[in-house]
Amino acid sequence: MYLKGKIDLHMHTTVSDGSDSPEEILQAVKTTGLLFFAVSDHDAVKSCRIVRGLLREGDPAFVNGAEFSCRDELGKYHILGYAYAPAAAAMRALIARGHGLRMKKVKARLDFIRDEFGFSFPEEEIQTLLALDNPGKPHIGNLMVKYGYVKSKEEAIRDYINRKHFKNEFVRPEEAIAGILKSGGIPVLAHPSFGSGDELIVGEKMDQRLKRLIGYGLQGVEAFYSGFSPKLKSEMLKYAEQYHLYVTAGSDYHGKNKLIPLGDTGMEENMPVPEGMLRFMEAVDPKLPDLLLSR
C-alpha cells in the first residue's frame, strides 16, 4: 500500500502556541494539499471543534487531536490523543488539569523573570497574555522581544524562561494516557526520541520507556516526524513493529513560531505505508485507507 499524498497529524493553532488561527490552518492545510490532518493543540479541544465546524464536502479528512506535556520521575513525554470524544468527562478533566497547571506555570514564569532579571511588562499586556486560551513560554518570549529584553523568542526561552523549574507539578504520562483512552481516543507518543532539552532517547533507554508507557495503555508512536533523521525514523518503525503499535506522522507545525513547514513529516507521496499506520487509519475510520492509499 502506498500513500496517495501527504498527511500531517501534528500541528498547533493560536488556541495554544501556534501563530495560525484554526480558520487559517484549515486554509493552509488545503493550500498545502494535505489529504488527512489533525489539529493537536496543547491541553485543548477548542480548535478541533472550530475546524470540524468549518469542514465541507471535499475537504481533507480530519481527526480530533490534542497534545499533553507530561513528566514523571524518569523523564518528559509529550502524549498525543487522537479520535477522542471532546465532550467526554475524562477528556474535559484532562484538559482542565493540563490547562490549570499551564496557567499556574505562566504566572510563576512571569514572576520569575521579573524578580530575577527585572523584566516587567505593563499590566494590560499581562492580562492580555493570561486571557489567551493556552499561553506558554513562546508567548512570554514574544513579549520579551517586543519590549527589547532579548533579540529573539528562542533566546528568551533558552537563556531566561527555562531557568524556572517545576519539580513536582506536572501531568503524569499514565494520567494523560488513561484520560485519552477513557474518552474513546488513541494515545500516541509524540516525537519519541526527543526528551527534555537536547536529550536524545534511543536504544535500550527507548525500549524501557516504551515498555513502561505501553503498560499504561500507549497505543502508538509518531515514527515520522519533522526533526527525525533516517536513523531515528527507522528505529521507531522497528519498535512499532516489535510492539504492534500504531504509527503516525506529524510536522509539529506552529506557523511563524517555528521554522517547520506544514506537511514536513518525513513521509512523502507514494511512500510505502507501514502496517501500523494502516491500522491507525482503520481505527480512526475504516474508509480512510481507500481514500488515502493506493496499491
Protein backbone atom coordinates (compact mmCIF):
# COMPACT_ATOMS: atom_id res chain seq x y z
CA MET A 1 0.00 0.00 0.00
CA TYR A 2 1.25 3.48 -0.92
CA LEU A 3 0.30 6.95 0.27
CA LYS A 4 -1.58 8.96 -2.36
CA GLY A 5 -0.47 12.30 -0.88
CA LYS A 6 0.84 13.99 2.24
CA ILE A 7 -0.67 13.69 5.70
CA ASP A 8 0.14 15.68 8.85
CA LEU A 9 -1.30 14.76 12.24
CA HIS A 10 0.59 17.20 14.48
CA MET A 11 0.03 20.96 14.22
CA HIS A 12 -0.80 23.86 16.51
CA THR A 13 -3.03 26.92 16.24
CA THR A 14 -3.48 30.14 18.21
CA VAL A 15 -5.54 28.09 20.67
CA SER A 16 -2.14 27.03 22.06
CA ASP A 17 1.27 28.15 20.79
CA GLY A 18 0.83 28.34 17.01
CA SER A 19 0.54 31.56 15.02
CA ASP A 20 -2.31 30.45 12.68
CA SER A 21 -5.92 30.64 13.78
CA PRO A 22 -7.99 27.47 13.29
CA GLU A 23 -9.53 29.09 10.23
CA GLU A 24 -6.09 29.94 8.82
CA ILE A 25 -4.69 26.50 9.50
CA LEU A 26 -7.55 24.84 7.62
CA GLN A 27 -6.82 27.06 4.64
CA ALA A 28 -3.11 26.25 4.93
CA VAL A 29 -3.91 22.53 5.01
CA LYS A 30 -5.93 22.83 1.80
CA THR A 31 -3.30 25.02 0.11
CA THR A 32 -0.58 22.53 1.03
CA GLY A 33 -2.67 19.73 -0.42
CA LEU A 34 -2.79 17.50 2.66
CA LEU A 35 -5.14 14.55 2.36
CA PHE A 36 -5.50 13.84 6.09
CA PHE A 37 -4.74 16.05 9.08
CA ALA A 38 -5.23 16.60 12.78
CA VAL A 39 -5.02 19.75 14.87
CA SER A 40 -3.25 18.89 18.12
CA ASP A 41 -3.18 21.93 20.37
CA HIS A 42 -1.76 21.71 23.87
CA ASP A 43 -4.35 20.99 26.57
CA ALA A 44 -7.24 21.99 24.31
CA VAL A 45 -10.05 20.69 22.13
CA LYS A 46 -11.45 24.09 21.13
CA SER A 47 -9.53 24.26 17.83
CA CYS A 48 -10.79 20.82 16.81
CA ARG A 49 -14.38 21.92 17.36
CA ILE A 50 -13.80 25.05 15.27
CA VAL A 51 -12.09 23.19 12.41
CA ARG A 52 -14.70 20.44 12.35
CA GLY A 53 -17.41 23.07 12.10
CA LEU A 54 -15.65 24.63 9.08
CA LEU A 55 -15.16 21.42 7.09
CA ARG A 56 -17.16 20.96 3.92
CA GLU A 57 -17.62 18.11 1.47
CA GLY A 58 -14.42 17.54 -0.48
CA ASP A 59 -12.14 18.93 2.26
CA PRO A 60 -9.24 16.82 3.59
CA ALA A 61 -10.01 14.03 6.07
CA PHE A 62 -9.78 15.20 9.68
CA VAL A 63 -9.38 13.61 13.10
CA ASN A 64 -9.51 15.27 16.52
CA GLY A 65 -6.11 15.70 18.14
CA ALA A 66 -4.60 17.14 21.32
CA GLU A 67 -1.16 17.16 22.92
CA PHE A 68 -0.34 16.84 26.60
CA SER A 69 3.04 17.69 28.14
CA CYS A 70 3.82 15.05 30.74
CA ARG A 71 6.57 14.24 33.18
CA ASP A 72 7.39 11.66 35.80
CA GLU A 73 10.43 10.67 37.85
CA LEU A 74 12.08 9.20 34.75
CA GLY A 75 11.64 11.97 32.21
CA LYS A 76 9.50 14.14 30.00
CA TYR A 77 6.93 12.95 27.45
CA HIS A 78 4.50 14.52 25.01
CA ILE A 79 1.40 12.39 24.58
CA LEU A 80 -0.88 12.94 21.60
CA GLY A 81 -4.53 11.93 21.76
CA TYR A 82 -6.49 11.17 18.59
CA ALA A 83 -10.11 10.35 17.74
CA TYR A 84 -11.35 11.08 21.26
CA ALA A 85 -14.81 12.37 22.14
CA PRO A 86 -14.28 16.06 23.04
CA ALA A 87 -17.27 16.14 25.39
CA ALA A 88 -16.23 13.02 27.34
CA ALA A 89 -15.89 13.65 31.07
CA ALA A 90 -12.39 12.14 31.13
CA MET A 91 -11.19 14.44 28.34
CA ARG A 92 -12.70 17.50 29.99
CA ALA A 93 -10.95 16.57 33.24
CA LEU A 94 -7.62 16.02 31.50
CA ILE A 95 -7.90 19.33 29.65
CA ALA A 96 -8.77 21.14 32.88
CA ARG A 97 -5.82 19.55 34.68
CA GLY A 98 -3.33 20.44 31.95
CA HIS A 99 -4.71 23.94 31.48
CA GLY A 100 -4.70 24.65 35.21
CA LEU A 101 -1.04 23.68 35.52
CA ARG A 102 -0.20 25.68 32.39
CA MET A 103 -1.76 28.87 33.79
CA LYS A 104 -0.03 28.39 37.12
CA LYS A 105 3.34 28.00 35.38
CA VAL A 106 2.83 31.04 33.15
CA LYS A 107 2.20 33.23 36.19
CA ALA A 108 5.19 31.75 38.01
CA ARG A 109 7.44 32.34 34.99
CA LEU A 110 6.33 35.97 34.72
CA ASP A 111 7.12 36.46 38.41
CA PHE A 112 10.47 34.68 37.99
CA ILE A 113 11.79 36.78 35.09
CA ARG A 114 10.61 39.95 36.86
CA ASP A 115 12.27 39.06 40.17
CA GLU A 116 15.45 37.50 38.72
CA PHE A 117 16.11 39.73 35.72
CA GLY A 118 13.92 42.81 36.13
CA PHE A 119 11.82 42.01 33.03
CA SER A 120 8.47 43.67 33.69
CA PHE A 121 5.52 44.42 31.41
CA PRO A 122 2.52 46.76 31.53
CA GLU A 123 -0.42 45.25 33.38
CA GLU A 124 -2.60 45.35 30.27
CA GLU A 125 -0.02 43.22 28.42
CA ILE A 126 -0.02 40.65 31.23
CA GLN A 127 -3.81 40.49 31.29
CA THR A 128 -3.92 40.05 27.51
CA LEU A 129 -1.42 37.20 27.80
CA LEU A 130 -3.38 35.50 30.58
CA ALA A 131 -6.60 35.83 28.59
CA LEU A 132 -5.22 33.60 25.82
CA ASP A 133 -6.65 30.08 25.54
CA ASN A 134 -3.38 28.37 26.43
CA PRO A 135 -0.48 30.79 27.00
CA GLY A 136 3.00 29.34 27.30
CA LYS A 137 6.72 30.03 27.02
CA PRO A 138 6.58 31.25 23.38
CA HIS A 139 4.04 33.93 24.33
CA ILE A 140 6.24 35.20 27.16
CA GLY A 141 9.24 35.08 24.83
CA ASN A 142 7.46 37.16 22.21
CA LEU A 143 6.59 39.71 24.88
CA MET A 144 10.24 39.91 25.94
CA VAL A 145 11.22 40.57 22.32
CA LYS A 146 8.54 43.25 21.99
CA TYR A 147 9.90 45.16 24.99
CA GLY A 148 13.53 44.83 23.96
CA TYR A 149 14.77 42.48 26.67
CA VAL A 150 16.02 39.92 24.13
CA LYS A 151 16.60 39.71 20.39
CA SER A 152 14.59 36.53 19.76
CA LYS A 153 11.95 34.28 21.28
CA GLU A 154 14.44 31.41 21.23
CA GLU A 155 16.95 33.41 23.28
CA ALA A 156 14.22 34.34 25.76
CA ILE A 157 13.21 30.72 26.32
CA ARG A 158 16.72 29.25 26.33
CA ASP A 159 18.52 31.83 28.48
CA TYR A 160 15.82 33.10 30.81
CA ILE A 161 12.40 31.38 30.88
CA ASN A 162 13.79 27.83 31.07
CA ARG A 163 15.73 28.73 34.20
CA LYS A 164 12.49 28.42 36.12
CA HIS A 165 11.99 24.76 37.07
CA PHE A 166 8.91 22.95 38.30
CA LYS A 167 9.84 19.75 40.14
CA ASN A 168 6.56 18.47 41.48
CA GLU A 169 3.78 19.85 39.28
CA PHE A 170 3.04 18.02 36.06
CA VAL A 171 0.60 15.76 34.28
CA ARG A 172 1.93 12.22 34.51
CA PRO A 173 2.03 10.11 31.32
CA GLU A 174 -0.25 7.45 32.78
CA GLU A 175 -2.73 10.22 33.64
CA ALA A 176 -2.81 11.51 30.05
CA ILE A 177 -2.99 8.04 28.52
CA ALA A 178 -5.84 7.00 30.83
CA GLY A 179 -7.81 10.17 30.06
CA ILE A 180 -7.45 9.68 26.31
CA LEU A 181 -8.46 6.02 26.49
CA LYS A 182 -11.48 6.74 28.69
CA SER A 183 -12.57 9.32 26.09
CA GLY A 184 -12.54 6.69 23.34
CA GLY A 185 -9.26 8.02 21.93
CA ILE A 186 -5.91 6.69 20.77
CA PRO A 187 -2.82 7.69 22.84
CA VAL A 188 0.37 8.16 20.80
CA LEU A 189 3.87 9.14 21.94
CA ALA A 190 4.90 12.33 20.12
CA HIS A 191 8.47 12.67 18.72
CA PRO A 192 9.53 9.70 20.89
CA SER A 193 13.29 10.15 20.54
CA PHE A 194 13.26 13.68 21.96
CA GLY A 195 13.10 14.20 25.72
CA SER A 196 13.95 17.22 27.86
CA GLY A 197 16.04 19.89 26.16
CA ASP A 198 18.67 18.26 23.95
CA GLU A 199 18.12 14.79 25.43
CA LEU A 200 18.12 12.03 22.81
CA ILE A 201 16.39 8.78 23.76
CA VAL A 202 17.46 5.75 21.74
CA GLY A 203 18.33 2.07 22.12
CA GLU A 204 17.79 0.42 25.48
CA LYS A 205 16.55 3.63 27.06
CA MET A 206 13.88 3.95 24.36
CA ASP A 207 12.92 0.31 24.76
CA GLN A 208 12.47 0.72 28.51
CA ARG A 209 10.44 3.89 28.04
CA LEU A 210 8.13 2.27 25.50
CA LYS A 211 7.56 -0.80 27.66
CA ARG A 212 6.57 1.37 30.60
CA LEU A 213 4.21 3.54 28.52
CA ILE A 214 2.68 0.51 26.79
CA GLY A 215 1.98 -0.81 30.28
CA TYR A 216 -0.08 2.33 30.87
CA GLY A 217 -2.00 1.78 27.63
CA LEU A 218 0.04 3.64 24.98
CA GLN A 219 -1.11 2.53 21.52
CA GLY A 220 1.11 4.34 19.02
CA VAL A 221 4.28 6.25 18.19
CA GLU A 222 4.91 9.26 15.96
CA ALA A 223 7.58 7.48 13.91
CA PHE A 224 7.52 10.06 11.10
CA TYR A 225 8.47 13.49 12.47
CA SER A 226 9.96 16.67 11.00
CA GLY A 227 13.03 16.57 13.25
CA PHE A 228 13.89 12.89 12.80
CA SER A 229 16.93 11.63 10.95
CA PRO A 230 16.50 8.49 8.82
CA LYS A 231 18.15 6.52 11.65
CA LEU A 232 15.69 7.75 14.29
CA LYS A 233 12.74 7.10 11.98
CA SER A 234 13.99 3.59 11.26
CA GLU A 235 14.40 2.82 14.95
CA MET A 236 10.87 3.97 15.76
CA LEU A 237 9.40 1.93 12.92
CA LYS A 238 11.26 -1.10 14.26
CA TYR A 239 9.79 -0.61 17.73
CA ALA A 240 6.31 -0.03 16.29
CA GLU A 241 6.53 -3.37 14.50
CA GLN A 242 8.01 -5.14 17.53
CA TYR A 243 5.32 -3.94 19.92
CA HIS A 244 2.44 -3.83 17.41
CA LEU A 245 1.96 -0.09 17.83
CA TYR A 246 0.11 2.34 15.61
CA VAL A 247 2.29 4.65 13.52
CA THR A 248 1.54 8.34 12.89
CA ALA A 249 3.25 11.20 11.03
CA GLY A 250 3.47 14.81 12.19
CA SER A 251 5.34 18.00 11.41
CA ASP A 252 4.75 19.84 14.73
CA TYR A 253 3.85 22.92 12.69
CA HIS A 254 3.50 26.16 14.69
CA GLY A 255 3.21 28.67 11.86
CA LYS A 256 5.60 31.59 12.35
CA ASN A 257 6.51 30.38 15.85
CA LYS A 258 8.68 27.52 14.50
CA LEU A 259 10.57 27.14 11.24
CA ILE A 260 8.79 23.91 10.29
CA PRO A 261 6.68 23.73 7.10
CA LEU A 262 3.23 22.22 7.22
CA GLY A 263 3.33 18.64 5.96
CA ASP A 264 7.06 18.21 6.72
CA THR A 265 6.82 14.79 8.35
CA GLY A 266 9.46 12.78 6.51
CA MET A 267 6.71 10.83 4.78
CA GLU A 268 6.17 11.68 1.14
CA GLU A 269 3.60 10.83 -1.51
CA ASN A 270 3.90 7.31 -2.97
CA MET A 271 5.88 6.02 0.01
CA PRO A 272 5.04 2.52 1.28
CA VAL A 273 2.74 2.74 4.30
CA PRO A 274 3.81 0.84 7.42
CA GLU A 275 1.33 -1.70 8.72
CA GLY A 276 0.98 0.29 11.94
CA MET A 277 -0.14 3.38 10.02
CA LEU A 278 -2.67 1.36 8.04
CA ARG A 279 -4.12 0.05 11.28
CA PHE A 280 -4.22 3.58 12.71
CA MET A 281 -6.20 4.81 9.71
CA GLU A 282 -8.63 1.90 10.02
CA ALA A 283 -9.07 2.62 13.74
CA VAL A 284 -9.91 6.28 13.02
CA ASP A 285 -12.26 5.50 10.12
CA PRO A 286 -12.46 2.22 8.15
CA LYS A 287 -12.99 4.28 4.98
CA LEU A 288 -9.67 6.15 5.31
CA PRO A 289 -7.40 3.54 3.64
CA ASP A 290 -9.48 3.65 0.45
CA LEU A 291 -9.30 7.45 0.48
CA LEU A 292 -5.60 7.80 1.28
CA LEU A 293 -3.87 4.72 -0.10
CA SER A 294 -3.22 3.05 -3.44
CA ARG A 295 -1.90 -0.41 -4.25
